[in-house]
Structures are given as structure tokens and as C-alpha cells.
C-alpha atoms as a PDB file:
ATOM      1  CA  MET A   1      11.282  32.668  -3.174  1.00  0.00           C
ATOM      2  CA  PRO A   2       8.214  30.599  -4.137  1.00  0.00           C
ATOM      3  CA  GLY A   3       7.210  27.709  -1.913  1.00  0.00           C
ATOM      4  CA  ARG A   4       7.615  24.120  -2.967  1.00  0.00           C
ATOM      5  CA  VAL A   5       3.889  23.737  -3.688  1.00  0.00           C
ATOM      6  CA  GLU A   6       3.198  27.357  -4.636  1.00  0.00           C
ATOM      7  CA  GLY A   7      -0.107  27.845  -6.466  1.00  0.00           C
ATOM      8  CA  LYS A   8      -1.295  24.280  -5.886  1.00  0.00           C
ATOM      9  CA  VAL A   9      -4.413  23.055  -4.122  1.00  0.00           C
ATOM     10  CA  ALA A  10      -4.399  20.155  -1.657  1.00  0.00           C
ATOM     11  CA  PHE A  11      -7.332  17.996  -0.517  1.00  0.00           C
ATOM     12  CA  ILE A  12      -6.836  16.655   3.019  1.00  0.00           C
ATOM     13  CA  THR A  13      -9.112  14.245   4.865  1.00  0.00           C
ATOM     14  CA  GLY A  14      -9.124  14.081   8.640  1.00  0.00           C
ATOM     15  CA  ALA A  15      -7.904  17.671   8.662  1.00  0.00           C
ATOM     16  CA  ALA A  16      -9.409  18.939  11.903  1.00  0.00           C
ATOM     17  CA  ARG A  17      -6.469  17.992  14.132  1.00  0.00           C
ATOM     18  CA  GLY A  18      -3.373  15.795  14.442  1.00  0.00           C
ATOM     19  CA  GLN A  19      -1.533  14.842  11.308  1.00  0.00           C
ATOM     20  CA  GLY A  20      -4.234  16.235   9.029  1.00  0.00           C
ATOM     21  CA  ARG A  21      -3.978  19.703  10.553  1.00  0.00           C
ATOM     22  CA  SER A  22      -0.197  19.503  10.469  1.00  0.00           C
ATOM     23  CA  HIS A  23      -0.233  18.577   6.751  1.00  0.00           C
ATOM     24  CA  ALA A  24      -2.592  21.485   6.008  1.00  0.00           C
ATOM     25  CA  ILE A  25      -0.328  23.952   7.786  1.00  0.00           C
ATOM     26  CA  ARG A  26       2.890  22.603   6.269  1.00  0.00           C
ATOM     27  CA  LEU A  27       1.530  22.648   2.728  1.00  0.00           C
ATOM     28  CA  ALA A  28       0.071  26.100   3.266  1.00  0.00           C
ATOM     29  CA  GLU A  29       3.456  27.340   4.503  1.00  0.00           C
ATOM     30  CA  GLU A  30       4.875  26.269   1.129  1.00  0.00           C
ATOM     31  CA  GLY A  31       2.181  27.998  -0.931  1.00  0.00           C
ATOM     32  CA  SER A  32      -0.733  25.569  -1.264  1.00  0.00           C
ATOM     33  CA  ASP A  33      -4.404  26.356  -0.746  1.00  0.00           C
ATOM     34  CA  ILE A  34      -6.370  23.723   1.114  1.00  0.00           C
ATOM     35  CA  ILE A  35      -9.625  21.805   0.813  1.00  0.00           C
ATOM     36  CA  ALA A  36     -10.201  20.196   4.206  1.00  0.00           C
ATOM     37  CA  VAL A  37     -12.750  17.645   5.379  1.00  0.00           C
ATOM     38  CA  ASP A  38     -13.363  15.826   8.644  1.00  0.00           C
ATOM     39  CA  VAL A  39     -16.155  13.694  10.077  1.00  0.00           C
ATOM     40  CA  LEU A  40     -16.471  15.662  13.369  1.00  0.00           C
ATOM     41  CA  GLU A  41     -18.373  12.819  15.021  1.00  0.00           C
ATOM     42  CA  ASP A  42     -17.475  10.078  17.474  1.00  0.00           C
ATOM     43  CA  TYR A  43     -17.650   6.363  16.610  1.00  0.00           C
ATOM     44  CA  ARG A  44     -19.318   4.003  19.054  1.00  0.00           C
ATOM     45  CA  THR A  45     -16.552   1.471  18.442  1.00  0.00           C
ATOM     46  CA  VAL A  46     -13.636   3.868  18.995  1.00  0.00           C
ATOM     47  CA  ARG A  47     -12.582   4.551  22.596  1.00  0.00           C
ATOM     48  CA  TYR A  48     -10.896   7.891  22.061  1.00  0.00           C
ATOM     49  CA  ALA A  49     -12.752  11.110  21.212  1.00  0.00           C
ATOM     50  CA  MET A  50     -12.807  12.185  17.573  1.00  0.00           C
ATOM     51  CA  SER A  51     -12.234  15.774  16.452  1.00  0.00           C
ATOM     52  CA  ASN A  52     -14.905  18.460  16.820  1.00  0.00           C
ATOM     53  CA  ARG A  53     -15.896  21.754  15.254  1.00  0.00           C
ATOM     54  CA  ALA A  54     -13.574  23.753  17.500  1.00  0.00           C
ATOM     55  CA  ASP A  55     -10.655  21.627  16.324  1.00  0.00           C
ATOM     56  CA  PHE A  56     -11.655  22.211  12.711  1.00  0.00           C
ATOM     57  CA  ASP A  57     -11.953  25.978  13.271  1.00  0.00           C
ATOM     58  CA  GLU A  58      -8.397  25.963  14.632  1.00  0.00           C
ATOM     59  CA  THR A  59      -7.147  24.339  11.445  1.00  0.00           C
ATOM     60  CA  VAL A  60      -8.938  26.947   9.336  1.00  0.00           C
ATOM     61  CA  SER A  61      -7.521  29.790  11.386  1.00  0.00           C
ATOM     62  CA  ALA A  62      -3.992  28.387  11.188  1.00  0.00           C
ATOM     63  CA  VAL A  63      -4.110  28.129   7.382  1.00  0.00           C
ATOM     64  CA  GLU A  64      -5.650  31.574   6.953  1.00  0.00           C
ATOM     65  CA  ALA A  65      -3.010  33.077   9.241  1.00  0.00           C
ATOM     66  CA  LEU A  66      -0.459  31.961   6.649  1.00  0.00           C
ATOM     67  CA  GLY A  67      -2.246  33.947   3.972  1.00  0.00           C
ATOM     68  CA  ARG A  68      -3.633  30.911   2.185  1.00  0.00           C
ATOM     69  CA  ARG A  69      -7.195  30.070   1.276  1.00  0.00           C
ATOM     70  CA  ILE A  70      -8.998  27.102   2.817  1.00  0.00           C
ATOM     71  CA  VAL A  71     -12.391  25.562   2.110  1.00  0.00           C
ATOM     72  CA  ALA A  72     -13.457  23.366   5.053  1.00  0.00           C
ATOM     73  CA  ALA A  73     -16.456  21.035   5.128  1.00  0.00           C
ATOM     74  CA  LYS A  74     -17.881  18.352   7.369  1.00  0.00           C
ATOM     75  CA  ALA A  75     -17.778  15.123   5.396  1.00  0.00           C
ATOM     76  CA  ASP A  76     -17.347  11.428   6.185  1.00  0.00           C
ATOM     77  CA  VAL A  77     -14.910   9.496   4.007  1.00  0.00           C
ATOM     78  CA  ARG A  78     -17.287   6.526   4.242  1.00  0.00           C
ATOM     79  CA  ASP A  79     -19.878   8.534   2.358  1.00  0.00           C
ATOM     80  CA  ALA A  80     -18.605   8.922  -1.227  1.00  0.00           C
ATOM     81  CA  ALA A  81     -21.441  11.227  -2.272  1.00  0.00           C
ATOM     82  CA  ALA A  82     -20.838  13.652   0.583  1.00  0.00           C
ATOM     83  CA  LEU A  83     -17.107  13.512   0.028  1.00  0.00           C
ATOM     84  CA  ARG A  84     -17.506  14.266  -3.669  1.00  0.00           C
ATOM     85  CA  ALA A  85     -19.819  17.184  -2.951  1.00  0.00           C
ATOM     86  CA  ALA A  86     -17.350  18.697  -0.492  1.00  0.00           C
ATOM     87  CA  LEU A  87     -14.391  18.308  -2.866  1.00  0.00           C
ATOM     88  CA  ASP A  88     -16.299  19.577  -5.917  1.00  0.00           C
ATOM     89  CA  ALA A  89     -17.333  22.665  -3.981  1.00  0.00           C
ATOM     90  CA  GLY A  90     -13.743  23.263  -2.926  1.00  0.00           C
ATOM     91  CA  VAL A  91     -12.414  22.883  -6.454  1.00  0.00           C
ATOM     92  CA  ALA A  92     -15.105  25.227  -7.751  1.00  0.00           C
ATOM     93  CA  GLU A  93     -13.927  27.862  -5.290  1.00  0.00           C
ATOM     94  CA  LEU A  94     -10.159  27.347  -5.501  1.00  0.00           C
ATOM     95  CA  GLY A  95      -9.967  26.463  -9.182  1.00  0.00           C
ATOM     96  CA  ARG A  96      -8.042  23.183  -9.342  1.00  0.00           C
ATOM     97  CA  LEU A  97      -6.716  20.138  -7.460  1.00  0.00           C
ATOM     98  CA  ASP A  98      -3.077  18.980  -7.414  1.00  0.00           C
ATOM     99  CA  ILE A  99      -2.431  17.133  -4.152  1.00  0.00           C
ATOM    100  CA  VAL A 100      -4.472  14.556  -2.257  1.00  0.00           C
ATOM    101  CA  CYS A 101      -3.657  13.562   1.321  1.00  0.00           C
ATOM    102  CA  ALA A 102      -5.854  10.595   2.283  1.00  0.00           C
ATOM    103  CA  ASN A 103      -5.158  10.894   5.979  1.00  0.00           C
ATOM    104  CA  ALA A 104      -8.413  10.066   7.804  1.00  0.00           C
ATOM    105  CA  GLY A 105      -8.270   6.919   9.867  1.00  0.00           C
ATOM    106  CA  ILE A 106      -9.262   5.167  13.088  1.00  0.00           C
ATOM    107  CA  TYR A 107      -8.001   2.272  15.186  1.00  0.00           C
ATOM    108  CA  THR A 108      -9.189   0.051  18.010  1.00  0.00           C
ATOM    109  CA  VAL A 109      -7.233  -2.045  20.471  1.00  0.00           C
ATOM    110  CA  GLN A 110      -8.253  -5.579  21.398  1.00  0.00           C
ATOM    111  CA  PRO A 111      -7.169  -9.237  21.030  1.00  0.00           C
ATOM    112  CA  TRP A 112      -8.443 -11.042  17.964  1.00  0.00           C
ATOM    113  CA  ASP A 113     -11.327 -12.721  19.843  1.00  0.00           C
ATOM    114  CA  GLN A 114     -12.704  -9.355  20.958  1.00  0.00           C
ATOM    115  CA  VAL A 115     -12.930  -7.877  17.451  1.00  0.00           C
ATOM    116  CA  THR A 116     -16.662  -7.448  16.948  1.00  0.00           C
ATOM    117  CA  PRO A 117     -18.222  -7.348  13.482  1.00  0.00           C
ATOM    118  CA  GLN A 118     -18.883  -3.622  13.968  1.00  0.00           C
ATOM    119  CA  VAL A 119     -15.292  -2.868  14.961  1.00  0.00           C
ATOM    120  CA  TRP A 120     -14.091  -4.719  11.869  1.00  0.00           C
ATOM    121  CA  GLN A 121     -16.564  -2.963   9.588  1.00  0.00           C
ATOM    122  CA  ASP A 122     -15.968   0.527  10.936  1.00  0.00           C
ATOM    123  CA  THR A 123     -12.217   0.137  10.522  1.00  0.00           C
ATOM    124  CA  ILE A 124     -12.432  -1.267   6.997  1.00  0.00           C
ATOM    125  CA  ASP A 125     -14.999   1.326   5.945  1.00  0.00           C
ATOM    126  CA  THR A 126     -12.914   4.239   7.205  1.00  0.00           C
ATOM    127  CA  ASN A 127      -9.287   3.210   6.630  1.00  0.00           C
ATOM    128  CA  LEU A 128      -9.655   1.304   3.373  1.00  0.00           C
ATOM    129  CA  THR A 129     -12.950   2.178   1.690  1.00  0.00           C
ATOM    130  CA  GLY A 130     -12.489   5.760   2.873  1.00  0.00           C
ATOM    131  CA  VAL A 131      -9.118   5.956   1.140  1.00  0.00           C
ATOM    132  CA  TRP A 132     -10.647   4.443  -1.986  1.00  0.00           C
ATOM    133  CA  ASN A 133     -13.512   6.952  -1.911  1.00  0.00           C
ATOM    134  CA  THR A 134     -11.017   9.816  -1.490  1.00  0.00           C
ATOM    135  CA  MET A 135      -9.085   8.709  -4.532  1.00  0.00           C
ATOM    136  CA  VAL A 136     -12.161   8.097  -6.670  1.00  0.00           C
ATOM    137  CA  VAL A 137     -13.669  11.540  -6.035  1.00  0.00           C
ATOM    138  CA  ALA A 138     -10.291  13.257  -6.505  1.00  0.00           C
ATOM    139  CA  LEU A 139      -9.024  11.563  -9.646  1.00  0.00           C
ATOM    140  CA  PRO A 140     -11.178  13.374 -12.207  1.00  0.00           C
ATOM    141  CA  HIS A 141      -9.851  16.657 -10.852  1.00  0.00           C
ATOM    142  CA  LEU A 142      -6.220  15.500 -10.906  1.00  0.00           C
ATOM    143  CA  ILE A 143      -6.655  14.280 -14.478  1.00  0.00           C
ATOM    144  CA  ALA A 144      -8.203  17.636 -15.464  1.00  0.00           C
ATOM    145  CA  ALA A 145      -5.150  19.372 -13.931  1.00  0.00           C
ATOM    146  CA  GLY A 146      -2.777  17.253 -15.999  1.00  0.00           C
ATOM    147  CA  GLY A 147      -1.479  15.181 -13.092  1.00  0.00           C
ATOM    148  CA  GLY A 148      -0.806  15.372  -9.406  1.00  0.00           C
ATOM    149  CA  SER A 149       0.302  13.616  -6.257  1.00  0.00           C
ATOM    150  CA  ILE A 150      -1.693  11.290  -4.016  1.00  0.00           C
ATOM    151  CA  ILE A 151      -0.248  10.587  -0.568  1.00  0.00           C
ATOM    152  CA  VAL A 152      -1.944   7.973   1.595  1.00  0.00           C
ATOM    153  CA  THR A 153      -1.287   7.734   5.315  1.00  0.00           C
ATOM    154  CA  SER A 154      -0.470   4.135   6.161  1.00  0.00           C
ATOM    155  CA  SER A 155       1.571   3.203   9.230  1.00  0.00           C
ATOM    156  CA  THR A 156       4.407   1.035  10.461  1.00  0.00           C
ATOM    157  CA  ALA A 157       1.411  -1.318  10.894  1.00  0.00           C
ATOM    158  CA  GLY A 158       1.184  -1.340   7.092  1.00  0.00           C
ATOM    159  CA  LEU A 159       4.605  -2.999   6.883  1.00  0.00           C
ATOM    160  CA  LYS A 160       4.701  -5.356   9.874  1.00  0.00           C
ATOM    161  CA  GLY A 161       2.348  -7.230  12.175  1.00  0.00           C
ATOM    162  CA  MET A 162       1.215  -5.293  15.246  1.00  0.00           C
ATOM    163  CA  PRO A 163      -0.555  -7.459  17.859  1.00  0.00           C
ATOM    164  CA  PHE A 164      -3.930  -6.405  19.238  1.00  0.00           C
ATOM    165  CA  LEU A 165      -4.513  -4.090  16.280  1.00  0.00           C
ATOM    166  CA  ALA A 166      -5.623  -6.653  13.695  1.00  0.00           C
ATOM    167  CA  PRO A 167      -8.332  -4.635  11.840  1.00  0.00           C
ATOM    168  CA  TYR A 168      -6.093  -1.567  11.713  1.00  0.00           C
ATOM    169  CA  VAL A 169      -3.117  -3.601  10.516  1.00  0.00           C
ATOM    170  CA  ALA A 170      -5.247  -5.231   7.823  1.00  0.00           C
ATOM    171  CA  THR A 171      -6.345  -1.853   6.409  1.00  0.00           C
ATOM    172  CA  LYS A 172      -2.904  -0.287   6.611  1.00  0.00           C
ATOM    173  CA  HIS A 173      -1.418  -3.207   4.640  1.00  0.00           C
ATOM    174  CA  ALA A 174      -4.304  -3.074   2.196  1.00  0.00           C
ATOM    175  CA  VAL A 175      -3.773   0.566   1.234  1.00  0.00           C
ATOM    176  CA  VAL A 176      -0.209  -0.242   0.230  1.00  0.00           C
ATOM    177  CA  GLY A 177      -1.429  -2.692  -2.399  1.00  0.00           C
ATOM    178  CA  LEU A 178      -4.121  -0.276  -3.501  1.00  0.00           C
ATOM    179  CA  CYS A 179      -1.617   2.535  -3.958  1.00  0.00           C
ATOM    180  CA  ARG A 180       0.894   0.384  -5.799  1.00  0.00           C
ATOM    181  CA  SER A 181      -1.821  -0.747  -8.193  1.00  0.00           C
ATOM    182  CA  LEU A 182      -3.023   2.777  -8.875  1.00  0.00           C
ATOM    183  CA  ALA A 183       0.558   4.039  -9.198  1.00  0.00           C
ATOM    184  CA  ASN A 184       0.893   1.721 -12.177  1.00  0.00           C
ATOM    185  CA  GLU A 185      -2.558   2.481 -13.561  1.00  0.00           C
ATOM    186  CA  LEU A 186      -2.236   6.263 -13.330  1.00  0.00           C
ATOM    187  CA  ALA A 187       1.428   6.801 -14.232  1.00  0.00           C
ATOM    188  CA  GLY A 188       0.575   7.534 -17.852  1.00  0.00           C
ATOM    189  CA  GLN A 189      -1.591  10.449 -16.656  1.00  0.00           C
ATOM    190  CA  HIS A 190       1.232  11.947 -14.612  1.00  0.00           C
ATOM    191  CA  ILE A 191      -0.388  11.026 -11.284  1.00  0.00           C
ATOM    192  CA  ARG A 192       1.945   9.741  -8.579  1.00  0.00           C
ATOM    193  CA  VAL A 193       0.645   7.584  -5.714  1.00  0.00           C
ATOM    194  CA  ASN A 194       2.677   6.889  -2.584  1.00  0.00           C
ATOM    195  CA  THR A 195       2.156   5.789   1.020  1.00  0.00           C
ATOM    196  CA  VAL A 196       3.678   7.269   4.168  1.00  0.00           C
ATOM    197  CA  HIS A 197       4.390   4.979   7.122  1.00  0.00           C
ATOM    198  CA  PRO A 198       4.803   6.778  10.453  1.00  0.00           C
ATOM    199  CA  ALA A 199       5.521   5.200  13.784  1.00  0.00           C
ATOM    200  CA  GLY A 200       3.445   6.539  16.675  1.00  0.00           C
ATOM    201  CA  VAL A 201       2.817  10.263  16.315  1.00  0.00           C
ATOM    202  CA  ASP A 202       2.130  12.700  19.113  1.00  0.00           C
ATOM    203  CA  THR A 203      -1.551  13.431  18.377  1.00  0.00           C
ATOM    204  CA  PRO A 204      -4.830  13.021  20.305  1.00  0.00           C
ATOM    205  CA  MET A 205      -5.401   9.788  18.376  1.00  0.00           C
ATOM    206  CA  VAL A 206      -2.232   8.100  19.608  1.00  0.00           C
ATOM    207  CA  ALA A 207      -3.199   8.800  23.226  1.00  0.00           C
ATOM    208  CA  GLY A 208      -5.678   5.937  22.889  1.00  0.00           C
ATOM    209  CA  LEU A 209      -2.799   3.508  22.527  1.00  0.00           C
ATOM    210  CA  GLU A 210      -2.550   3.531  26.308  1.00  0.00           C
ATOM    211  CA  THR A 211      -5.160   0.762  26.098  1.00  0.00           C
ATOM    212  CA  LEU A 212      -2.444  -1.490  24.622  1.00  0.00           C
ATOM    213  CA  GLU A 213      -0.575  -1.606  27.913  1.00  0.00           C
ATOM    214  CA  PRO A 214      -2.673  -4.313  29.674  1.00  0.00           C
ATOM    215  CA  PHE A 215      -2.339  -6.637  26.699  1.00  0.00           C
ATOM    216  CA  VAL A 216       1.390  -6.071  26.186  1.00  0.00           C
ATOM    217  CA  SER A 217       2.106  -6.434  29.891  1.00  0.00           C
ATOM    218  CA  ARG A 218       0.571  -9.911  29.744  1.00  0.00           C
ATOM    219  CA  SER A 219       2.702 -10.733  26.708  1.00  0.00           C
ATOM    220  CA  PRO A 220       5.987  -8.861  27.346  1.00  0.00           C
ATOM    221  CA  GLU A 221       7.774 -10.646  24.533  1.00  0.00           C
ATOM    222  CA  LEU A 222       5.660  -8.583  22.156  1.00  0.00           C
ATOM    223  CA  GLY A 223       6.634  -5.207  23.564  1.00  0.00           C
ATOM    224  CA  ALA A 224       9.702  -4.805  21.346  1.00  0.00           C
ATOM    225  CA  ILE A 225       7.469  -4.758  18.277  1.00  0.00           C
ATOM    226  CA  PHE A 226       6.287  -1.307  19.254  1.00  0.00           C
ATOM    227  CA  THR A 227       9.763   0.091  20.039  1.00  0.00           C
ATOM    228  CA  ASN A 228      11.549   2.566  17.811  1.00  0.00           C
ATOM    229  CA  GLY A 229      15.212   2.281  16.894  1.00  0.00           C
ATOM    230  CA  LEU A 230      15.977   5.932  17.527  1.00  0.00           C
ATOM    231  CA  PRO A 231      15.508   7.150  21.103  1.00  0.00           C
ATOM    232  CA  VAL A 232      12.095   8.761  20.651  1.00  0.00           C
ATOM    233  CA  THR A 233       8.714   7.528  21.849  1.00  0.00           C
ATOM    234  CA  ALA A 234       6.515   9.486  19.444  1.00  0.00           C
ATOM    235  CA  LEU A 235       7.106  11.557  16.366  1.00  0.00           C
ATOM    236  CA  ASP A 236       6.090  15.187  15.998  1.00  0.00           C
ATOM    237  CA  PRO A 237       3.309  15.497  13.366  1.00  0.00           C
ATOM    238  CA  ARG A 238       5.462  17.974  11.468  1.00  0.00           C
ATOM    239  CA  ASP A 239       8.035  15.226  10.878  1.00  0.00           C
ATOM    240  CA  VAL A 240       5.406  13.338   8.887  1.00  0.00           C
ATOM    241  CA  SER A 241       4.187  16.521   7.209  1.00  0.00           C
ATOM    242  CA  ASN A 242       7.685  17.223   5.899  1.00  0.00           C
ATOM    243  CA  ALA A 243       7.595  13.836   4.155  1.00  0.00           C
ATOM    244  CA  VAL A 244       4.125  14.575   2.784  1.00  0.00           C
ATOM    245  CA  LEU A 245       5.354  17.942   1.490  1.00  0.00           C
ATOM    246  CA  TRP A 246       8.286  16.321  -0.283  1.00  0.00           C
ATOM    247  CA  LEU A 247       6.056  13.720  -1.950  1.00  0.00           C
ATOM    248  CA  ALA A 248       3.652  16.488  -2.995  1.00  0.00           C
ATOM    249  CA  SER A 249       6.407  18.639  -4.468  1.00  0.00           C
ATOM    250  CA  ASP A 250       8.266  18.477  -7.757  1.00  0.00           C
ATOM    251  CA  GLU A 251      11.299  17.325  -5.820  1.00  0.00           C
ATOM    252  CA  ALA A 252       9.635  13.892  -5.807  1.00  0.00           C
ATOM    253  CA  ARG A 253       8.391  14.106  -9.396  1.00  0.00           C
ATOM    254  CA  TYR A 254       9.731  10.641 -10.251  1.00  0.00           C
ATOM    255  CA  VAL A 255       8.723   8.989  -6.985  1.00  0.00           C
ATOM    256  CA  THR A 256       5.642   6.773  -7.273  1.00  0.00           C
ATOM    257  CA  GLY A 257       4.561   3.485  -5.765  1.00  0.00           C
ATOM    258  CA  ALA A 258       6.876   4.083  -2.790  1.00  0.00           C
ATOM    259  CA  ALA A 259       6.250   3.165   0.827  1.00  0.00           C
ATOM    260  CA  LEU A 260       8.090   5.938   2.653  1.00  0.00           C
ATOM    261  CA  THR A 261       8.871   5.221   6.299  1.00  0.00           C
ATOM    262  CA  VAL A 262       9.056   8.063   8.820  1.00  0.00           C
ATOM    263  CA  ASP A 263       9.323   5.743  11.748  1.00  0.00           C
ATOM    264  CA  ALA A 264      12.469   6.387  13.836  1.00  0.00           C
ATOM    265  CA  GLY A 265      13.654   2.924  12.816  1.00  0.00           C
ATOM    266  CA  ASN A 266      10.562   1.052  14.023  1.00  0.00           C
ATOM    267  CA  THR A 267      10.240  -1.187  10.980  1.00  0.00           C
ATOM    268  CA  ILE A 268      13.888  -2.289  10.922  1.00  0.00           C
ATOM    269  CA  ARG A 269      13.804  -3.715  14.415  1.00  0.00           C
END
């Protein structure tokens, strides 16, 4: 029985580990080939370690073990020219593009008065401009294919205010407006654009949220904002990947402009 995205090609940013790797594996399990990019460098403003070449190699091996093809390249979503070159090379090798997962992102934790200009700029450049760059380089290929699905990773922080995460919250709200606008603009070309909004996911990135504890402990009335409704502290990345797979598949062929929560009830509390 063919997979739900059999014969399609997916472009995934931030694919070396975490949700990006999980999306690559899940889509490959259902028949998609993969074009994967990741920055593979640390940021001076980000306190947790970013992914590295060994992480990326693990993603490649996992996809290939499923019998699917993968083209992996080091590229920074902040650099539109490098991103375009990586994607164009992948499409040249794999033949087409059908699915885009704009997943790459960063966050920092601090009160508003400790947000430096560089923290603000790095977050905006990666989480918002990086998403825009991903869409811009991908759209000519989706149009050439006669349509496709764009899935942007937002967050529960894209639907409600999260204290001590102001730059991150700003970007995750912003991509919702961006995606809704492009969902309208691109509908006539059979391109669907949706956002996914996870609560905390069990990845190396979320481990850095431990730095929230000192701030929340000083303002305990804010702690409930981070609490899920269902009795789970962090989601498995595959839970988010299942939602991404559905949005990428023909099962969601009439779903566009949606903000799909996979949040264990976080945003209804």
C-alpha cells in the first residue's frame, strides 16, 4: 500500500535533530524523499548548543535506512542565497518539490529589559525572516510542480503570551499572519499554507527552557501559563510529525490557513 506522501519530495529546515529530524523520518516512512538543511553552528546569543555534523549524519542515515533518498546540505535560513542554492541542488537531484517544512528556529530566555539588540535581531532573522526565505526559495518549485503544501512550525507561543520569551513569541505570532496571508495569495496555484503549534517538545532545544525556572519561581502566578491540560510535560517529536504528515498529505487537501495545535491542551488553559 503506497504511503501518504509516496513519490513526493519534502524540503525541511533545521533537519539535523529534534523536530526536523522527526519530520524527515516520518515523511520518509510514508514515501517522501527529503531535501534537508541545517545551520550546524552555534549562536553567541543562544545558551543551548545547536546541532552539529554528527547529528545531521544521523538524520541522513535514518532516512536512507527507510529506503528513501535524501540530499543534505549545510545552509543558514538567514542566508537566502545559500538556502536557494541548497534547495535548487536538491530539486535538481530529486526531480521536484511538493512539501516544505519551515522548521528551523531558536529561542532565548530573559525578562524584557535583558533583551539585547543582538538577541532580538538573531531571533527575528532566524524565526521570521528565515521562514520567509524558506518560502521564497521554495515557491517557484512548488508552482512548477502544480501545487504543494507548506507547513511552518510556530508554537503555543504563537497563540498566547509567554513571559520571558518576548522575541520568540513575537516571531511565532508573526509567522501566523505571514502564513494566513500567503494561504490567500497562493490558493489559486493549489499551494496550501498552514502553521503547527506544539507545546514543549522533548528535544535538545527544549532542554534550554530550564533557564525559565528562576524567573518563573520569582513570579509563581505565571507558572500556569506553561502548563498543559493533559498530564504530559513534553510532547514526543513524532506527535508533531504526525500532524505535519497529515497537513502534507492529500488527506488535508482542503486545509489551508489553519493554525493546528498539537499542544496537550496548553492553549485552552
